[in-house]
Structures are given as structure tokens and as C-alpha cells.
Amino acid sequence: MHIEKIKLENFKAFKNVEITCNQTFNVIVGENNIGKSTIFEALNLWKFAYDNLIQERNKNKFYKAATNYYIPFTALSQIRLVDDDNIFFDAKEGSTSITLTIRDKDQSFNLKIRFEKPGIKNSYLRLFNNDAFDEFEGFSDHIKNKSCSLKNALFIYQTRPISTIFKNEPFYNNAQIERKISIGKSHDVLRNKILKTEDSQAKVSQRFSNFEGRLERVLRNKHSIRFKKIRIE
């Protein structure tokens, strides 16, 4: 099973674009600020919405097409935005859609999710799959024959080169950092994960120096790491 096509309508940098994917491996290359990261943001947002359209009681069924579902604005950590207008190519239209065509051997399903903002600024987004509900139902029936749930049938994971810091993210103590590392959330604590591999008995300055040296060997360029409120002796 793989993503055969990605279609974005009125989403961020794209008014209307359709991308045909290779079933084995895909690379997106291009100049800065042309929408490369936006494609990955669309994939993450689509999967987040897809998961929320699955019934809580029956994990192998989607909610009915007439069911309204909402994503709070504060839960949109999958995409870069300042306010909800940033989600749209043309904010006046007030809606956008992301369609993933999923192919499994000789069968394909066009799973379109539409996002619509209300009149209240930065409050929530409405989700709709009524434009393609038959496709969702067909996909649900298709997955019943497999040894997995609807949620686990599709897996999208993003690794990031820098840590993600949310607006309301609390300060993490050492135990919390180790807990996040143990459950694999390395994209949130990449810096801390690397530092954990250093000698814990070494001076702080030596650990940071080692970290900088490792970055230089990988990136082939010198970088200085600064940490606020930490005194390096």
C-alpha cells in the first residue's frame, strides 16, 4: 500500500496542485520558499484529520458524512502558521482540501478531506469528508480484510533536524526528557538526545564542545551552540 497521488486545493502556497508519487521512493527538490515543506505539512495535517474521522467506539469505521468534526486552532502543530488565514492560498474562499490517493495493488481510493474555517478568528477548523465519503467507506471495507485498524493502516512520520518548541511547552526536567526519548519523540528533544550520549561526568563546557565537534563532522561546517540561562565554565 502506498500514496499514489497528493492533491492540494487552496492550501498555503498552492492554489491547485497534483503530485504523482513513485511507489518506492520519492524526493522533493527545489529552491527555497516554493512549497517543499508545505507538501509535508499537508501530509501531516491530512493524517491528523484522518485519525480524527475514525469512530472512537468502532475503530474500523469512519463517522458518517453528515457528522461535523472540529480541530481546535491550538491543535494545529503540524503546520507553520500565525493565524488561520495562513492555511489558505486565498483566505477569502475560507476552505481548503487535501486529497490522498491510496493504492493497494489494483485498487485505489481517493480520500479527500476538506477544511473550513468559521467566522470566529483562530478558533477551530471544520472537517468534512462528505465529498468522498463513498471512497472512505470503500477504504474501510478494504482494510477489514487486513490485520490492522484504520488508524494503523496508514503511517506518516516526520523527523526534523531541529527541536520543536510549542508556544505553551513547559520546561522539561531530566526525567521528562528521558521519558520522551524512550518513547521515540526524538524530533522534540534532538539536542538533549545527543547530549545524553556524552560522558555525564564531564564538565558542561566539554559536553557542549563535543556536541559542536560532532555537528561539524556531519555538516562540514562550524557551529556554535548557545544555551540560555546556562553558564558554561
Protein backbone atom coordinates (compact mmCIF):
# COMPACT_ATOMS: atom_id res chain seq x y z
CA MET A 1 0.00 0.00 0.00
CA HIS A 2 1.36 3.43 -0.89
CA ILE A 3 0.39 7.03 -1.62
CA GLU A 4 -0.24 7.25 -5.35
CA LYS A 5 -1.20 10.94 -5.61
CA ILE A 6 -1.32 14.06 -3.46
CA LYS A 7 -3.72 16.83 -4.45
CA LEU A 8 -3.85 20.21 -2.71
CA GLU A 9 -6.52 22.82 -3.37
CA ASN A 10 -6.22 26.35 -1.95
CA PHE A 11 -3.65 25.14 0.58
CA LYS A 12 -0.96 27.61 1.65
CA ALA A 13 1.44 28.15 -1.32
CA PHE A 14 -0.68 26.08 -3.73
CA LYS A 15 -3.86 27.16 -5.48
CA ASN A 16 -4.21 23.76 -7.12
CA VAL A 17 -1.51 21.13 -7.49
CA GLU A 18 -1.45 17.37 -8.04
CA ILE A 19 1.65 15.26 -7.41
CA THR A 20 2.04 11.71 -8.69
CA CYS A 21 4.21 9.60 -6.38
CA ASN A 22 6.53 6.71 -7.04
CA GLN A 23 5.50 3.64 -5.05
CA THR A 24 9.04 3.00 -3.80
CA PHE A 25 10.87 6.26 -3.04
CA ASN A 26 10.27 9.98 -3.58
CA VAL A 27 12.48 13.06 -3.23
CA ILE A 28 11.28 16.67 -3.42
CA VAL A 29 13.93 19.11 -4.65
CA GLY A 30 13.60 22.82 -5.32
CA GLU A 31 14.54 26.38 -4.43
CA ASN A 32 13.71 27.97 -1.11
CA ASN A 33 10.15 29.18 -0.47
CA ILE A 34 8.44 27.29 -3.27
CA GLY A 35 6.40 24.94 -1.06
CA LYS A 36 8.53 21.84 -0.43
CA SER A 37 7.85 21.81 3.31
CA THR A 38 4.21 22.69 2.67
CA ILE A 39 3.70 19.33 0.97
CA PHE A 40 4.89 17.53 4.08
CA GLU A 41 2.76 19.77 6.27
CA ALA A 42 -0.23 18.81 4.15
CA LEU A 43 0.52 15.12 4.65
CA ASN A 44 0.77 15.53 8.43
CA LEU A 45 -2.39 17.64 8.63
CA TRP A 46 -4.29 15.14 6.45
CA LYS A 47 -3.24 12.21 8.68
CA PHE A 48 -4.21 14.13 11.82
CA ALA A 49 -7.65 14.82 10.34
CA TYR A 50 -7.97 11.24 9.02
CA ASP A 51 -7.34 9.84 12.51
CA ASN A 52 -9.99 12.14 13.96
CA LEU A 53 -12.59 10.98 11.42
CA ILE A 54 -12.34 7.39 12.72
CA GLN A 55 -15.06 6.43 15.18
CA GLU A 56 -13.92 6.12 18.78
CA ARG A 57 -16.05 3.06 19.54
CA ASN A 58 -15.61 1.24 16.23
CA LYS A 59 -12.01 1.73 15.13
CA ASN A 60 -12.77 0.22 11.71
CA LYS A 61 -15.45 2.72 10.71
CA PHE A 62 -15.48 6.42 9.85
CA TYR A 63 -18.01 8.86 11.22
CA LYS A 64 -20.97 9.47 8.93
CA ALA A 65 -20.59 12.09 6.23
CA ALA A 66 -23.11 14.35 7.96
CA THR A 67 -21.15 14.33 11.21
CA ASN A 68 -19.36 17.59 11.99
CA TYR A 69 -15.92 17.33 13.48
CA TYR A 70 -13.71 20.19 14.64
CA ILE A 71 -9.99 20.66 15.13
CA PRO A 72 -9.07 23.40 17.64
CA PHE A 73 -6.73 26.02 16.25
CA THR A 74 -4.34 25.33 19.13
CA ALA A 75 -4.01 21.69 17.96
CA LEU A 76 -2.60 22.64 14.54
CA SER A 77 1.03 21.98 15.43
CA GLN A 78 1.56 20.10 12.15
CA ILE A 79 1.83 23.27 10.08
CA ARG A 80 3.55 26.64 10.33
CA LEU A 81 1.05 29.47 10.74
CA VAL A 82 0.38 32.67 12.62
CA ASP A 83 -3.40 32.68 12.17
CA ASP A 84 -5.95 30.56 10.32
CA ASP A 85 -5.72 32.68 7.14
CA ASN A 86 -2.22 31.23 6.61
CA ILE A 87 -3.75 27.83 5.86
CA PHE A 88 -5.24 29.09 2.59
CA PHE A 89 -3.80 30.21 -0.71
CA ASP A 90 -6.80 32.56 -0.93
CA ALA A 91 -8.23 33.21 2.54
CA LYS A 92 -11.41 34.70 1.05
CA GLU A 93 -12.52 31.23 -0.04
CA GLY A 94 -12.45 30.03 3.56
CA SER A 95 -11.84 26.37 2.77
CA THR A 96 -9.09 24.09 1.54
CA SER A 97 -8.84 20.42 0.70
CA ILE A 98 -6.16 17.74 0.79
CA THR A 99 -6.67 14.52 -1.16
CA LEU A 100 -4.51 11.44 -0.83
CA THR A 101 -4.98 8.67 -3.36
CA ILE A 102 -4.06 5.42 -1.66
CA ARG A 103 -3.27 2.42 -3.86
CA ASP A 104 -3.11 -1.18 -2.77
CA LYS A 105 -2.26 -3.44 -5.71
CA ASP A 106 -5.10 -2.99 -8.24
CA GLN A 107 -7.35 -0.86 -6.00
CA SER A 108 -7.12 2.85 -5.29
CA PHE A 109 -9.09 5.19 -3.02
CA ASN A 110 -9.34 8.99 -3.36
CA LEU A 111 -9.56 10.13 0.25
CA LYS A 112 -10.41 13.82 0.21
CA ILE A 113 -10.66 15.85 3.40
CA ARG A 114 -11.93 19.42 3.28
CA PHE A 115 -11.08 22.00 5.94
CA GLU A 116 -13.31 25.02 6.52
CA LYS A 117 -12.83 27.89 8.94
CA PRO A 118 -15.76 29.52 10.80
CA GLY A 119 -16.38 33.22 11.25
CA ILE A 120 -14.60 33.26 14.60
CA LYS A 121 -10.92 34.05 14.15
CA ASN A 122 -8.36 31.41 15.17
CA SER A 123 -10.89 29.18 16.91
CA TYR A 124 -11.14 25.87 15.02
CA LEU A 125 -11.40 24.18 11.64
CA ARG A 126 -14.32 22.05 10.50
CA LEU A 127 -13.52 18.72 8.86
CA PHE A 128 -15.55 17.27 6.01
CA ASN A 129 -15.18 14.02 4.13
CA ASN A 130 -18.66 14.14 2.56
CA ASP A 131 -17.16 14.94 -0.88
CA ALA A 132 -15.59 11.46 -0.88
CA PHE A 133 -17.48 9.52 1.78
CA ASP A 134 -18.07 6.54 -0.52
CA GLU A 135 -14.30 6.36 -1.03
CA PHE A 136 -13.74 6.37 2.73
CA GLU A 137 -16.35 3.65 3.18
CA GLY A 138 -14.72 1.58 0.44
CA PHE A 139 -11.33 2.02 2.09
CA SER A 140 -12.81 0.98 5.43
CA ASP A 141 -14.22 -2.22 3.90
CA HIS A 142 -10.88 -2.87 2.21
CA ILE A 143 -8.95 -2.60 5.50
CA LYS A 144 -11.30 -5.07 7.22
CA ASN A 145 -9.56 -7.82 5.28
CA LYS A 146 -6.19 -6.85 6.75
CA SER A 147 -4.74 -7.44 10.19
CA CYS A 148 -4.72 -3.79 11.25
CA SER A 149 -7.05 -0.97 12.18
CA LEU A 150 -7.91 2.02 10.02
CA LYS A 151 -5.58 4.21 12.05
CA ASN A 152 -2.63 1.87 11.70
CA ALA A 153 -3.25 1.14 8.02
CA LEU A 154 -1.57 4.44 7.08
CA PHE A 155 1.60 5.61 8.78
CA ILE A 156 3.16 9.03 8.31
CA TYR A 157 6.14 10.02 10.43
CA GLN A 158 8.24 13.14 10.27
CA THR A 159 11.78 13.52 11.56
CA ARG A 160 13.13 17.03 11.99
CA PRO A 161 16.69 18.35 12.17
CA ILE A 162 15.87 20.74 15.00
CA SER A 163 13.71 20.53 18.11
CA THR A 164 10.09 21.65 18.01
CA ILE A 165 9.17 24.13 20.72
CA PHE A 166 5.49 24.89 21.10
CA LYS A 167 4.14 28.16 22.43
CA ASN A 168 2.87 26.66 25.70
CA GLU A 169 5.51 23.96 26.06
CA PRO A 170 6.65 23.63 29.69
CA PHE A 171 10.23 23.40 30.89
CA TYR A 172 11.36 19.76 30.88
CA ASN A 173 13.27 18.27 33.77
CA ASN A 174 15.75 15.42 33.28
CA ALA A 175 13.21 12.65 33.93
CA GLN A 176 10.75 14.10 31.41
CA ILE A 177 13.46 14.32 28.76
CA GLU A 178 14.44 10.69 29.28
CA ARG A 179 10.77 9.69 29.09
CA LYS A 180 10.30 11.47 25.74
CA ILE A 181 13.46 9.85 24.39
CA SER A 182 12.28 6.40 25.49
CA ILE A 183 9.01 6.71 23.56
CA GLY A 184 10.78 7.88 20.42
CA LYS A 185 9.87 11.56 20.28
CA SER A 186 13.38 12.40 19.17
CA HIS A 187 12.30 15.30 16.94
CA ASP A 188 11.24 17.20 20.11
CA VAL A 189 14.46 16.65 22.03
CA LEU A 190 17.15 16.01 19.45
CA ARG A 191 19.70 18.24 21.16
CA ASN A 192 19.11 16.56 24.51
CA LYS A 193 19.25 13.09 22.98
CA ILE A 194 22.69 13.81 21.51
CA LEU A 195 23.96 15.26 24.78
CA LYS A 196 22.78 12.14 26.61
CA THR A 197 25.37 10.14 24.68
CA GLU A 198 28.16 12.27 26.10
CA ASP A 199 30.03 11.48 29.31
CA SER A 200 27.70 12.58 32.10
CA GLN A 201 30.66 13.19 34.40
CA ALA A 202 32.36 15.60 32.00
CA LYS A 203 32.19 19.34 32.52
CA VAL A 204 29.28 21.10 30.85
CA SER A 205 31.68 23.03 28.63
CA GLN A 206 33.29 19.79 27.42
CA ARG A 207 29.92 18.21 26.62
CA PHE A 208 28.86 21.22 24.55
CA SER A 209 32.26 21.30 22.85
CA ASN A 210 31.90 17.62 21.93
CA PHE A 211 28.44 18.34 20.59
CA GLU A 212 29.77 21.14 18.38
CA GLY A 213 32.52 18.85 17.11
CA ARG A 214 30.02 16.19 16.13
CA LEU A 215 27.90 18.74 14.30
CA GLU A 216 30.95 19.94 12.40
CA ARG A 217 31.85 16.40 11.28
CA VAL A 218 28.32 15.80 9.98
CA LEU A 219 27.56 19.24 8.49
CA ARG A 220 31.16 20.03 7.48
CA ASN A 221 30.80 23.50 8.90
CA LYS A 222 31.48 25.02 12.31
CA HIS A 223 28.51 25.87 14.53
CA SER A 224 28.42 27.46 17.97
CA ILE A 225 25.69 26.31 20.34
CA ARG A 226 24.29 28.82 22.81
CA PHE A 227 22.02 27.86 25.70
CA LYS A 228 20.08 30.49 27.57
CA LYS A 229 20.36 30.62 31.35
CA ILE A 230 23.24 28.09 31.36
CA ARG A 231 26.64 29.23 32.43
CA ILE A 232 29.48 27.35 30.71
CA GLU A 233 32.72 27.26 32.67
